[in-house]
Amino acid sequence: MANRTIGITTVLGAVLVLAHPLEAIAGGDGYFRINDQGQLIEYRCIADFLLANDPIPLGSAATYGNDAGFFYDFARASFFRVNDAGAILEYASIDDLASNTGPTLHATIATYGNDAGFLQDPTRSTYIRVENAGFVVEYASFADFIANTNPTVQGNGPSYGDDSGFFYDDRRESYIRVDNNGFIFEYLAFADFAQDANGTLLDTVASYSGDAGFFALHPEKVPSLTTLGAVGLALALLVAATRIGPRNGPGKPTA
């Protein structure tokens, strides 16, 4: 029994050790801003983001400052940039985005280059585009989004067209809008976000006005495939450990 207890304890420890650091590999944790100078800046918590406190510079690319928007794709576990020409570019990691390294070009939709922002909604498994006229347009699939096919207009926020950016906050489970004055609004429901209804003003950061985009990412909400595989292996070992016991227990004859 002692050997079995030691085995279980060891494997449980392995689960915790493996899960935590591998989770971080997903790439960053916090709130991200791409300013009008093309700098990618991270804030580790919502309080810092709302006050622009303790910024962490991750990198910069001068061309980013003029781009239409950025977003994190929860479904693909990757980072997207839509530039001012409407090119839809995917980056495998936050480091690649920070250094503008190795992007994959999926398509170029010229009209996207003038839009106010984009986001991927993990609760609806859809892609959202906010046009420069303020219309909130939804695409049911990634294929539709990169081809601009089968769009559904879900609402119209007349003032959205001039805004700095939009994102889904997976920790707060809400939609965040940064307007062209740096006012930061939160919407608890997609319907409210689409219609600019029942928004709550969280704070104002004047320097956010004119920025290229924002997104949020919290790895504990988005486990990587590597993490899931490691935890799965550890759990399998745990099950095996519980089945291992002394071959010759009390009352059992020896060989």
Protein backbone atom coordinates (compact mmCIF):
# COMPACT_ATOMS: atom_id res chain seq x y z
CA MET A 1 0.00 0.00 0.00
CA ALA A 2 2.89 2.37 0.80
CA ASN A 3 4.34 1.91 -2.67
CA ARG A 4 0.97 2.65 -4.23
CA THR A 5 0.58 5.86 -2.18
CA ILE A 6 4.02 7.05 -3.21
CA GLY A 7 3.21 6.34 -6.85
CA ILE A 8 -0.06 8.28 -6.75
CA THR A 9 1.57 11.24 -4.99
CA THR A 10 4.39 11.31 -7.50
CA VAL A 11 2.06 11.25 -10.50
CA LEU A 12 -0.23 13.92 -9.05
CA GLY A 13 2.82 16.10 -8.59
CA ALA A 14 3.75 15.47 -12.21
CA VAL A 15 0.29 16.61 -13.33
CA LEU A 16 0.71 19.95 -11.56
CA VAL A 17 4.30 20.48 -12.68
CA LEU A 18 3.54 19.64 -16.30
CA ALA A 19 0.30 21.59 -16.54
CA HIS A 20 1.48 24.95 -15.29
CA PRO A 21 4.59 25.72 -17.33
CA LEU A 22 3.27 24.14 -20.51
CA GLU A 23 0.12 26.24 -20.22
CA ALA A 24 2.26 29.35 -20.50
CA ILE A 25 3.61 28.15 -23.84
CA ALA A 26 0.27 29.19 -25.37
CA GLY A 27 1.89 32.63 -25.60
CA GLY A 28 1.33 35.42 -23.15
CA ASP A 29 -1.18 36.15 -20.42
CA GLY A 30 -3.01 39.43 -20.11
CA TYR A 31 -4.26 42.33 -22.17
CA PHE A 32 -2.46 43.42 -25.32
CA ARG A 33 -2.40 46.74 -27.11
CA ILE A 34 -0.90 47.69 -30.46
CA ASN A 35 -0.47 51.46 -30.35
CA ASP A 36 -0.35 53.97 -33.19
CA GLN A 37 3.44 53.65 -33.30
CA GLY A 38 3.24 49.92 -33.95
CA GLN A 39 4.39 48.84 -30.47
CA LEU A 40 2.95 45.62 -29.01
CA ILE A 41 2.41 46.23 -25.29
CA GLU A 42 1.21 43.81 -22.63
CA TYR A 43 -0.65 44.53 -19.37
CA ARG A 44 -0.81 41.62 -16.95
CA CYS A 45 -4.22 42.38 -15.45
CA ILE A 46 -7.40 44.31 -16.22
CA ALA A 47 -6.59 46.92 -13.57
CA ASP A 48 -3.29 47.75 -15.29
CA PHE A 49 -4.94 47.79 -18.71
CA LEU A 50 -7.66 50.20 -17.57
CA LEU A 51 -5.06 52.63 -16.24
CA ALA A 52 -2.22 51.89 -18.68
CA ASN A 53 -0.06 50.97 -15.67
CA ASP A 54 3.09 48.84 -15.79
CA PRO A 55 3.23 48.34 -19.56
CA ILE A 56 5.47 45.52 -20.83
CA PRO A 57 6.89 46.24 -24.31
CA LEU A 58 7.07 43.04 -26.36
CA GLY A 59 8.22 44.38 -29.71
CA SER A 60 7.28 46.70 -32.51
CA ALA A 61 6.78 46.93 -36.25
CA ALA A 62 6.31 50.41 -37.67
CA THR A 63 3.67 49.27 -40.15
CA TYR A 64 1.43 47.94 -37.36
CA GLY A 65 0.42 51.45 -36.33
CA ASN A 66 -1.67 51.92 -39.47
CA ASP A 67 -3.32 48.50 -39.46
CA ALA A 68 -7.05 47.86 -39.35
CA GLY A 69 -7.00 45.48 -36.40
CA PHE A 70 -5.59 42.55 -34.45
CA PHE A 71 -7.22 39.63 -32.66
CA TYR A 72 -6.51 36.35 -30.92
CA ASP A 73 -8.24 33.35 -32.48
CA PHE A 74 -9.33 31.03 -29.66
CA ALA A 75 -10.31 28.32 -32.13
CA ARG A 76 -6.97 28.23 -33.96
CA ALA A 77 -4.82 29.26 -30.96
CA SER A 78 -3.03 31.87 -33.05
CA PHE A 79 -2.74 35.62 -33.52
CA PHE A 80 -4.17 37.62 -36.40
CA ARG A 81 -3.39 40.93 -37.98
CA VAL A 82 -5.43 42.67 -40.67
CA ASN A 83 -3.27 45.34 -42.24
CA ASP A 84 -4.29 48.59 -43.92
CA ALA A 85 -4.45 46.87 -47.31
CA GLY A 86 -6.84 44.21 -45.98
CA ALA A 87 -4.27 41.39 -45.87
CA ILE A 88 -5.26 38.76 -43.28
CA LEU A 89 -2.08 37.50 -41.63
CA GLU A 90 -1.76 34.71 -39.06
CA TYR A 91 1.09 34.36 -36.52
CA ALA A 92 1.75 31.14 -34.63
CA SER A 93 2.96 32.81 -31.41
CA ILE A 94 3.01 36.10 -29.55
CA ASP A 95 6.77 36.29 -30.18
CA ASP A 96 6.21 36.00 -33.93
CA LEU A 97 3.62 38.76 -33.80
CA ALA A 98 5.91 40.96 -31.70
CA SER A 99 8.70 40.65 -34.26
CA ASN A 100 6.51 40.37 -37.38
CA THR A 101 8.11 37.01 -38.14
CA GLY A 102 6.78 34.17 -40.29
CA PRO A 103 3.18 35.24 -40.88
CA THR A 104 0.88 33.18 -43.07
CA LEU A 105 -1.12 35.24 -45.57
CA HIS A 106 -4.61 33.77 -45.92
CA ALA A 107 -6.27 36.34 -48.17
CA THR A 108 -6.54 40.02 -48.95
CA ILE A 109 -9.93 41.72 -48.71
CA ALA A 110 -9.42 45.36 -49.63
CA THR A 111 -12.48 46.60 -47.75
CA TYR A 112 -11.16 45.08 -44.49
CA GLY A 113 -8.26 47.54 -44.60
CA ASN A 114 -10.53 50.43 -43.65
CA ASP A 115 -12.49 48.67 -40.91
CA ALA A 116 -12.57 49.53 -37.23
CA GLY A 117 -11.70 46.15 -35.77
CA PHE A 118 -12.08 42.39 -35.60
CA LEU A 119 -12.48 39.64 -33.02
CA GLN A 120 -13.04 35.92 -32.77
CA ASP A 121 -15.88 35.02 -30.43
CA PRO A 122 -15.20 31.71 -28.61
CA THR A 123 -18.73 31.59 -27.17
CA ARG A 124 -20.32 31.69 -30.63
CA SER A 125 -17.43 30.09 -32.56
CA THR A 126 -17.67 32.92 -35.08
CA TYR A 127 -15.60 35.78 -36.49
CA ILE A 128 -16.70 39.36 -36.01
CA ARG A 129 -15.86 42.35 -38.17
CA VAL A 130 -16.75 45.94 -37.28
CA GLU A 131 -17.00 47.91 -40.49
CA ASN A 132 -15.94 51.52 -40.87
CA ALA A 133 -19.64 52.44 -41.01
CA GLY A 134 -20.19 50.79 -37.62
CA PHE A 135 -21.99 47.65 -38.79
CA VAL A 136 -21.19 44.55 -36.73
CA VAL A 137 -20.83 41.69 -39.22
CA GLU A 138 -20.56 38.03 -38.21
CA TYR A 139 -19.08 35.10 -40.15
CA ALA A 140 -19.97 31.54 -39.16
CA SER A 141 -16.61 30.08 -40.15
CA PHE A 142 -12.98 31.02 -40.70
CA ALA A 143 -13.37 30.16 -44.39
CA ASP A 144 -16.23 32.64 -44.69
CA PHE A 145 -14.27 35.32 -42.85
CA ILE A 146 -11.20 35.15 -45.07
CA ALA A 147 -13.36 35.13 -48.21
CA ASN A 148 -15.90 37.71 -47.01
CA THR A 149 -18.72 35.30 -47.86
CA ASN A 150 -22.07 34.70 -46.11
CA PRO A 151 -21.84 37.71 -43.78
CA THR A 152 -24.63 38.35 -41.28
CA VAL A 153 -25.18 41.90 -40.04
CA GLN A 154 -25.92 41.60 -36.32
CA GLY A 155 -26.23 45.27 -35.46
CA ASN A 156 -24.98 48.76 -35.94
CA GLY A 157 -23.10 50.93 -33.49
CA PRO A 158 -23.07 54.20 -35.46
CA SER A 159 -20.00 55.49 -33.63
CA TYR A 160 -18.07 52.21 -33.85
CA GLY A 161 -16.56 53.05 -37.24
CA ASP A 162 -14.01 55.46 -35.77
CA ASP A 163 -13.10 53.36 -32.75
CA SER A 164 -9.65 52.10 -31.79
CA GLY A 165 -10.56 48.45 -31.33
CA PHE A 166 -12.66 45.65 -29.90
CA PHE A 167 -11.94 42.32 -28.25
CA TYR A 168 -13.47 39.44 -26.35
CA ASP A 169 -12.17 39.10 -22.79
CA ASP A 170 -12.11 35.39 -22.04
CA ARG A 171 -11.50 35.96 -18.32
CA ARG A 172 -14.38 38.40 -17.80
CA GLU A 173 -16.49 36.67 -20.46
CA SER A 174 -17.47 39.99 -21.98
CA TYR A 175 -16.93 42.20 -25.02
CA ILE A 176 -14.66 45.21 -24.71
CA ARG A 177 -14.72 48.31 -26.89
CA VAL A 178 -12.12 51.08 -26.91
CA ASP A 179 -13.61 54.12 -28.64
CA ASN A 180 -11.83 56.91 -30.50
CA ASN A 181 -11.51 58.96 -27.31
CA GLY A 182 -9.98 56.13 -25.30
CA PHE A 183 -13.21 55.35 -23.44
CA ILE A 184 -13.26 51.65 -22.49
CA PHE A 185 -16.72 50.05 -22.51
CA GLU A 186 -17.78 46.55 -21.47
CA TYR A 187 -20.79 44.62 -22.84
CA LEU A 188 -21.92 41.46 -21.08
CA ALA A 189 -23.95 40.07 -23.99
CA PHE A 190 -23.19 39.83 -27.68
CA ALA A 191 -26.58 41.33 -28.56
CA ASP A 192 -25.74 44.40 -26.49
CA PHE A 193 -22.31 44.71 -28.08
CA ALA A 194 -23.78 44.42 -31.58
CA GLN A 195 -26.27 47.20 -30.89
CA ASP A 196 -24.12 49.38 -28.61
CA ALA A 197 -26.65 48.88 -25.80
CA ASN A 198 -26.16 48.63 -22.03
CA GLY A 199 -22.45 49.27 -22.17
CA THR A 200 -20.60 49.96 -18.92
CA LEU A 201 -17.83 52.56 -18.95
CA LEU A 202 -14.87 50.95 -17.19
CA ASP A 203 -12.34 53.75 -17.54
CA THR A 204 -10.73 56.18 -19.96
CA VAL A 205 -7.16 56.17 -21.29
CA ALA A 206 -6.70 59.07 -23.68
CA SER A 207 -3.53 57.58 -25.19
CA TYR A 208 -5.54 54.57 -26.45
CA SER A 209 -7.25 56.87 -28.94
CA GLY A 210 -6.03 56.10 -32.43
CA ASP A 211 -4.44 52.77 -31.51
CA ALA A 212 -4.38 49.94 -34.05
CA GLY A 213 -5.95 47.19 -31.95
CA PHE A 214 -6.32 45.17 -28.76
CA PHE A 215 -6.83 41.59 -27.64
CA ALA A 216 -6.87 39.54 -24.45
CA LEU A 217 -5.47 36.09 -23.77
CA HIS A 218 -5.49 34.06 -20.56
CA PRO A 219 -3.83 30.63 -20.95
CA GLU A 220 -5.71 29.01 -18.09
CA LYS A 221 -8.81 29.52 -20.23
CA VAL A 222 -7.08 28.31 -23.40
CA PRO A 223 -5.07 25.14 -22.68
CA SER A 224 -2.60 24.26 -25.40
CA LEU A 225 -2.62 20.88 -27.12
CA THR A 226 0.80 20.22 -25.58
CA THR A 227 -0.64 20.83 -22.14
CA LEU A 228 -3.64 18.61 -22.74
CA GLY A 229 -1.37 15.84 -23.99
CA ALA A 230 0.94 16.12 -20.99
CA VAL A 231 -1.93 16.11 -18.52
CA GLY A 232 -3.55 13.19 -20.33
CA LEU A 233 -0.33 11.20 -20.06
CA ALA A 234 0.03 12.02 -16.38
CA LEU A 235 -3.58 10.99 -15.70
CA ALA A 236 -3.01 7.73 -17.54
CA LEU A 237 -0.01 7.09 -15.29
CA LEU A 238 -2.17 7.92 -12.29
CA VAL A 239 -4.73 5.31 -13.29
CA ALA A 240 -1.96 2.78 -13.79
CA ALA A 241 -0.48 3.62 -10.38
CA THR A 242 -3.77 2.94 -8.60
CA ARG A 243 -3.83 -0.54 -10.09
CA ILE A 244 -0.35 -1.45 -8.93
CA GLY A 245 -0.19 -3.09 -5.55
CA PRO A 246 1.90 -5.68 -3.70
CA ARG A 247 1.81 -8.94 -5.61
CA ASN A 248 1.82 -10.92 -2.41
CA GLY A 249 -0.72 -9.32 -0.08
CA PRO A 250 -1.87 -10.75 3.27
CA GLY A 251 -3.20 -14.24 2.96
CA LYS A 252 -1.83 -14.77 -0.54
CA PRO A 253 0.57 -17.63 -1.08
CA THR A 254 4.05 -16.94 -2.31
CA ALA A 255 5.21 -18.35 -5.62
